Structure formats: structure tokens, C-alpha cells
C-alpha atoms as a PDB file:
ATOM      1  CA  UNK A   1      23.267 -19.930  -2.686  1.00  0.00           C
ATOM      2  CA  UNK A   2      21.612 -18.309  -5.658  1.00  0.00           C
ATOM      3  CA  UNK A   3      17.935 -18.744  -6.364  1.00  0.00           C
ATOM      4  CA  UNK A   4      16.148 -17.916  -9.593  1.00  0.00           C
ATOM      5  CA  UNK A   5      12.387 -17.982 -10.024  1.00  0.00           C
ATOM      6  CA  UNK A   6      10.392 -16.978 -13.064  1.00  0.00           C
ATOM      7  CA  UNK A   7       6.707 -17.888 -12.776  1.00  0.00           C
ATOM      8  CA  UNK A   8       5.212 -19.232 -15.982  1.00  0.00           C
ATOM      9  CA  UNK A   9       1.608 -19.950 -14.972  1.00  0.00           C
ATOM     10  CA  UNK A  10      -1.156 -17.581 -16.004  1.00  0.00           C
ATOM     11  CA  UNK A  11      -4.036 -18.751 -13.794  1.00  0.00           C
ATOM     12  CA  UNK A  12      -4.059 -17.711 -10.143  1.00  0.00           C
ATOM     13  CA  UNK A  13      -4.291 -21.322  -9.004  1.00  0.00           C
ATOM     14  CA  UNK A  14      -1.277 -22.446 -11.029  1.00  0.00           C
ATOM     15  CA  UNK A  15       0.733 -19.314 -10.194  1.00  0.00           C
ATOM     16  CA  UNK A  16       0.216 -19.894  -6.467  1.00  0.00           C
ATOM     17  CA  UNK A  17       1.176 -23.574  -6.844  1.00  0.00           C
ATOM     18  CA  UNK A  18       4.430 -22.566  -8.578  1.00  0.00           C
ATOM     19  CA  UNK A  19       5.079 -19.957  -5.911  1.00  0.00           C
ATOM     20  CA  UNK A  20       4.444 -22.450  -3.096  1.00  0.00           C
ATOM     21  CA  UNK A  21       6.905 -24.895  -4.671  1.00  0.00           C
ATOM     22  CA  UNK A  22       9.497 -22.135  -4.983  1.00  0.00           C
ATOM     23  CA  UNK A  23       8.878 -20.966  -1.396  1.00  0.00           C
ATOM     24  CA  UNK A  24       9.301 -24.497  -0.042  1.00  0.00           C
ATOM     25  CA  UNK A  25      12.591 -24.859  -1.924  1.00  0.00           C
ATOM     26  CA  UNK A  26      13.742 -21.433  -0.764  1.00  0.00           C
ATOM     27  CA  UNK A  27      13.203 -22.094   2.955  1.00  0.00           C
ATOM     28  CA  UNK A  28      14.341 -25.734   2.944  1.00  0.00           C
ATOM     29  CA  UNK A  29      16.973 -26.265   5.602  1.00  0.00           C
ATOM     30  CA  UNK A  30      17.020 -22.647   6.827  1.00  0.00           C
ATOM     31  CA  UNK A  31      16.095 -22.459  10.536  1.00  0.00           C
ATOM     32  CA  UNK A  32      15.792 -18.648  10.812  1.00  0.00           C
ATOM     33  CA  UNK A  33      12.143 -17.626  10.526  1.00  0.00           C
ATOM     34  CA  UNK A  34      12.839 -13.950   9.846  1.00  0.00           C
ATOM     35  CA  UNK A  35      15.250 -14.760   7.025  1.00  0.00           C
ATOM     36  CA  UNK A  36      12.652 -17.113   5.573  1.00  0.00           C
ATOM     37  CA  UNK A  37       9.934 -14.451   5.832  1.00  0.00           C
ATOM     38  CA  UNK A  38      12.198 -11.981   4.021  1.00  0.00           C
ATOM     39  CA  UNK A  39      12.819 -14.333   1.121  1.00  0.00           C
ATOM     40  CA  UNK A  40       9.194 -15.430   0.859  1.00  0.00           C
ATOM     41  CA  UNK A  41       7.969 -11.805   0.880  1.00  0.00           C
ATOM     42  CA  UNK A  42      10.363 -11.030  -1.988  1.00  0.00           C
ATOM     43  CA  UNK A  43       9.271 -14.164  -3.836  1.00  0.00           C
ATOM     44  CA  UNK A  44       5.566 -13.319  -3.543  1.00  0.00           C
ATOM     45  CA  UNK A  45       6.271  -9.719  -4.593  1.00  0.00           C
ATOM     46  CA  UNK A  46       7.977 -11.057  -7.720  1.00  0.00           C
ATOM     47  CA  UNK A  47       5.424 -13.765  -8.520  1.00  0.00           C
ATOM     48  CA  UNK A  48       1.987 -12.353  -7.755  1.00  0.00           C
ATOM     49  CA  UNK A  49       0.798  -9.440  -9.922  1.00  0.00           C
ATOM     50  CA  UNK A  50      -0.990  -6.265  -8.862  1.00  0.00           C
ATOM     51  CA  UNK A  51       0.331  -5.983  -5.296  1.00  0.00           C
ATOM     52  CA  UNK A  52       1.459  -2.815  -3.574  1.00  0.00           C
ATOM     53  CA  UNK A  53       2.506  -4.595  -0.338  1.00  0.00           C
ATOM     54  CA  UNK A  54       3.496  -8.163   0.466  1.00  0.00           C
ATOM     55  CA  UNK A  55       4.892  -9.243   3.777  1.00  0.00           C
ATOM     56  CA  UNK A  56       4.563 -10.510   7.275  1.00  0.00           C
ATOM     57  CA  UNK A  57       3.505  -9.386  10.701  1.00  0.00           C
ATOM     58  CA  UNK A  58       4.951 -11.524  13.502  1.00  0.00           C
ATOM     59  CA  UNK A  59       3.004 -12.328  16.670  1.00  0.00           C
ATOM     60  CA  UNK A  60       5.071 -11.484  19.749  1.00  0.00           C
ATOM     61  CA  UNK A  61       2.644 -13.020  22.244  1.00  0.00           C
ATOM     62  CA  UNK A  62       0.662  -9.817  22.700  1.00  0.00           C
ATOM     63  CA  UNK A  63       0.324  -8.063  19.333  1.00  0.00           C
ATOM     64  CA  UNK A  64       1.431  -8.194  15.713  1.00  0.00           C
ATOM     65  CA  UNK A  65       4.818  -6.623  14.968  1.00  0.00           C
ATOM     66  CA  UNK A  66       6.007  -5.663  11.499  1.00  0.00           C
ATOM     67  CA  UNK A  67       8.187  -8.300   9.881  1.00  0.00           C
ATOM     68  CA  UNK A  68       9.916  -8.579   6.519  1.00  0.00           C
ATOM     69  CA  UNK A  69       8.006  -7.077   3.582  1.00  0.00           C
ATOM     70  CA  UNK A  70       8.124  -5.518   0.121  1.00  0.00           C
ATOM     71  CA  UNK A  71       6.358  -2.200  -0.462  1.00  0.00           C
ATOM     72  CA  UNK A  72       5.970   1.167   1.256  1.00  0.00           C
ATOM     73  CA  UNK A  73       6.791   1.693   4.928  1.00  0.00           C
ATOM     74  CA  UNK A  74       4.065   0.162   7.098  1.00  0.00           C
ATOM     75  CA  UNK A  75       2.432   0.259  10.502  1.00  0.00           C
ATOM     76  CA  UNK A  76       4.778  -1.251  13.085  1.00  0.00           C
ATOM     77  CA  UNK A  77       2.374  -2.670  15.688  1.00  0.00           C
ATOM     78  CA  UNK A  78      -1.172  -3.939  15.290  1.00  0.00           C
ATOM     79  CA  UNK A  79      -3.317  -5.059  18.238  1.00  0.00           C
ATOM     80  CA  UNK A  80      -5.155  -8.362  17.881  1.00  0.00           C
ATOM     81  CA  UNK A  81      -8.625  -7.745  16.497  1.00  0.00           C
ATOM     82  CA  UNK A  82      -7.679  -4.366  14.956  1.00  0.00           C
ATOM     83  CA  UNK A  83      -7.871  -3.994  11.184  1.00  0.00           C
ATOM     84  CA  UNK A  84      -7.705  -6.827   8.674  1.00  0.00           C
ATOM     85  CA  UNK A  85      -4.424  -8.240  10.002  1.00  0.00           C
ATOM     86  CA  UNK A  86      -5.566  -8.111  13.614  1.00  0.00           C
ATOM     87  CA  UNK A  87      -8.851  -9.808  12.702  1.00  0.00           C
ATOM     88  CA  UNK A  88      -7.026 -12.639  10.918  1.00  0.00           C
ATOM     89  CA  UNK A  89      -4.684 -13.102  13.870  1.00  0.00           C
ATOM     90  CA  UNK A  90      -7.462 -13.020  16.480  1.00  0.00           C
ATOM     91  CA  UNK A  91      -9.777 -15.422  14.648  1.00  0.00           C
ATOM     92  CA  UNK A  92      -7.029 -17.485  12.980  1.00  0.00           C
ATOM     93  CA  UNK A  93      -9.138 -17.266   9.829  1.00  0.00           C
ATOM     94  CA  UNK A  94      -8.136 -15.824   6.479  1.00  0.00           C
ATOM     95  CA  UNK A  95      -9.559 -12.397   5.731  1.00  0.00           C
ATOM     96  CA  UNK A  96     -10.231 -11.594   2.056  1.00  0.00           C
ATOM     97  CA  UNK A  97     -11.477  -8.035   1.757  1.00  0.00           C
ATOM     98  CA  UNK A  98     -12.585  -6.585  -1.567  1.00  0.00           C
ATOM     99  CA  UNK A  99     -12.877  -3.006  -0.254  1.00  0.00           C
ATOM    100  CA  UNK A 100     -10.665  -2.230   2.727  1.00  0.00           C
ATOM    101  CA  UNK A 101     -12.346   1.146   3.218  1.00  0.00           C
ATOM    102  CA  UNK A 102     -15.587  -0.691   4.074  1.00  0.00           C
ATOM    103  CA  UNK A 103     -13.851  -2.977   6.609  1.00  0.00           C
ATOM    104  CA  UNK A 104     -14.647  -1.879  10.199  1.00  0.00           C
ATOM    105  CA  UNK A 105     -11.500  -0.629  11.917  1.00  0.00           C
ATOM    106  CA  UNK A 106      -9.336  -0.834   8.790  1.00  0.00           C
ATOM    107  CA  UNK A 107      -5.821   0.515   9.387  1.00  0.00           C
ATOM    108  CA  UNK A 108      -4.763   2.594   6.388  1.00  0.00           C
ATOM    109  CA  UNK A 109      -0.989   2.150   6.300  1.00  0.00           C
ATOM    110  CA  UNK A 110      -1.033   2.891   2.552  1.00  0.00           C
ATOM    111  CA  UNK A 111      -3.909   5.019   1.276  1.00  0.00           C
ATOM    112  CA  UNK A 112      -3.470   3.414  -2.167  1.00  0.00           C
ATOM    113  CA  UNK A 113      -4.514  -0.025  -0.897  1.00  0.00           C
ATOM    114  CA  UNK A 114      -8.021  -0.987  -1.951  1.00  0.00           C
ATOM    115  CA  UNK A 115      -8.178  -4.745  -1.254  1.00  0.00           C
ATOM    116  CA  UNK A 116      -6.377  -7.089   1.097  1.00  0.00           C
ATOM    117  CA  UNK A 117      -5.756 -10.775   1.730  1.00  0.00           C
ATOM    118  CA  UNK A 118      -4.430 -11.814   5.147  1.00  0.00           C
ATOM    119  CA  UNK A 119      -3.604 -15.418   6.034  1.00  0.00           C
ATOM    120  CA  UNK A 120      -2.828 -16.412   9.634  1.00  0.00           C
ATOM    121  CA  UNK A 121       0.332 -18.460  10.115  1.00  0.00           C
ATOM    122  CA  UNK A 122      -0.108 -21.262  12.656  1.00  0.00           C
ATOM    123  CA  UNK A 123       2.623 -23.795  13.406  1.00  0.00           C
ATOM    124  CA  UNK A 124       2.139 -26.606  15.915  1.00  0.00           C
ATOM    125  CA  UNK A 125      -1.028 -24.907  17.181  1.00  0.00           C
ATOM    126  CA  UNK A 126       0.806 -21.623  17.874  1.00  0.00           C
ATOM    127  CA  UNK A 127       0.078 -18.328  16.117  1.00  0.00           C
ATOM    128  CA  UNK A 128       3.309 -17.229  14.417  1.00  0.00           C
ATOM    129  CA  UNK A 129       1.919 -14.186  12.611  1.00  0.00           C
ATOM    130  CA  UNK A 130       0.152 -13.324   9.376  1.00  0.00           C
ATOM    131  CA  UNK A 131       0.941 -13.064   5.691  1.00  0.00           C
ATOM    132  CA  UNK A 132      -0.466  -9.739   4.481  1.00  0.00           C
ATOM    133  CA  UNK A 133      -1.051  -8.912   0.809  1.00  0.00           C
ATOM    134  CA  UNK A 134      -2.414  -5.539  -0.317  1.00  0.00           C
ATOM    135  CA  UNK A 135      -3.456  -4.372  -3.770  1.00  0.00           C
ATOM    136  CA  UNK A 136      -4.356  -0.978  -5.206  1.00  0.00           C
ATOM    137  CA  UNK A 137      -7.120  -2.746  -7.189  1.00  0.00           C
ATOM    138  CA  UNK A 138     -10.583  -3.236  -5.671  1.00  0.00           C
ATOM    139  CA  UNK A 139     -11.537  -6.910  -5.213  1.00  0.00           C
ATOM    140  CA  UNK A 140      -8.095  -7.989  -6.464  1.00  0.00           C
ATOM    141  CA  UNK A 141      -8.026 -11.289  -4.564  1.00  0.00           C
ATOM    142  CA  UNK A 142     -10.096 -14.233  -5.768  1.00  0.00           C
ATOM    143  CA  UNK A 143     -11.047 -17.458  -4.022  1.00  0.00           C
ATOM    144  CA  UNK A 144      -8.169 -19.066  -5.984  1.00  0.00           C
ATOM    145  CA  UNK A 145      -5.765 -16.485  -4.542  1.00  0.00           C
ATOM    146  CA  UNK A 146      -7.057 -17.230  -1.060  1.00  0.00           C
ATOM    147  CA  UNK A 147      -6.682 -21.008  -1.466  1.00  0.00           C
ATOM    148  CA  UNK A 148      -3.234 -20.566  -3.000  1.00  0.00           C
ATOM    149  CA  UNK A 149      -1.958 -18.265  -0.269  1.00  0.00           C
ATOM    150  CA  UNK A 150      -3.388 -20.548   2.428  1.00  0.00           C
ATOM    151  CA  UNK A 151      -1.707 -23.583   0.851  1.00  0.00           C
ATOM    152  CA  UNK A 152       1.619 -21.753   0.609  1.00  0.00           C
ATOM    153  CA  UNK A 153       1.451 -20.683   4.269  1.00  0.00           C
ATOM    154  CA  UNK A 154       0.437 -24.165   5.451  1.00  0.00           C
ATOM    155  CA  UNK A 155       3.318 -25.698   3.545  1.00  0.00           C
ATOM    156  CA  UNK A 156       6.032 -23.438   5.021  1.00  0.00           C
ATOM    157  CA  UNK A 157       4.557 -22.395   8.394  1.00  0.00           C
ATOM    158  CA  UNK A 158       7.144 -24.349  10.397  1.00  0.00           C
ATOM    159  CA  UNK A 159       9.984 -22.633   8.512  1.00  0.00           C
ATOM    160  CA  UNK A 160       8.489 -19.220   9.341  1.00  0.00           C
ATOM    161  CA  UNK A 161       8.253 -20.047  13.044  1.00  0.00           C
ATOM    162  CA  UNK A 162      11.978 -20.747  13.452  1.00  0.00           C
END
């Protein structure tokens, strides 16, 4: 199957809505969660500007483990509660951080990252992992980005859990 996606929206809200539609189409009918994470990471990397990392950490029942991503090599394991990703996983609440260097316990996988948006992935009440987006720009992620990423994750969470 070939899949082409060229976002046309200019506002963050509309761009995320287009990306969520494309992600839902991309994962439709595919039961493998890792394959779906790989395609969605690539899709987000293509669609959302000013990122230097886009991808997933999977929850293995004890800690977060690196999943499919786009960007530089990353930390492989993150304990719950450690760094931005671990905080999102532990609390099951999105973390939108304008200055990662001011975040207590921040894990600097890429020294160029300045801001971060991490959305927990929960399917059927079970933590699947997190979607992690990093940017080299301070305060890159707006409330619209947060709502858009949360809506995308909610829409495809079951396909990421497979």
C-alpha cells in the first residue's frame, strides 16, 4: 500500500486535525502496534514543523522503552517519573514544557532540544506508552499543539496498543 500525505493547513489546530485524519487512515486495519507507531512517527515528522525528535516510548509494565521515532539516537529506557516522558507516563497527564532545561530531572537525550510535548497513550485503561515531541525552539508547543496531539493519540490509541 502506498500512502501520500501533504498537509495544507497553516494553523496548528487545522494541521493537527489533518494529521490525525491521516494517522487514522494510516493505521486502519493494521493490528501491529509497533508498525503503527513507526508510520505515525514518520507522519508527524513530515507534518509538524520545527521538530528535532518525534516518536514513541512504549511502556513495558515497569518502565518506558524506546519505540519507533524520527530524529537523533535517543535514550533507551526511562523510569516512570523521570524526565518529561516519565512524568507524563506516571501521571497519565500531558506535559507541555517550554524550557526543558528548567524541568526538574529533565533527561537530555539531545542537547539541542529546548521544548517538549509528551502525551500519554492510554487504551482501555492501560498505559501503552507516550508520544514524545521535541523542538530546538523554546516554547515551541502551544495549547493548540497540545490539544491536537492529545486528539490524535486518543483517536489511534487502540491501534498503537496492538
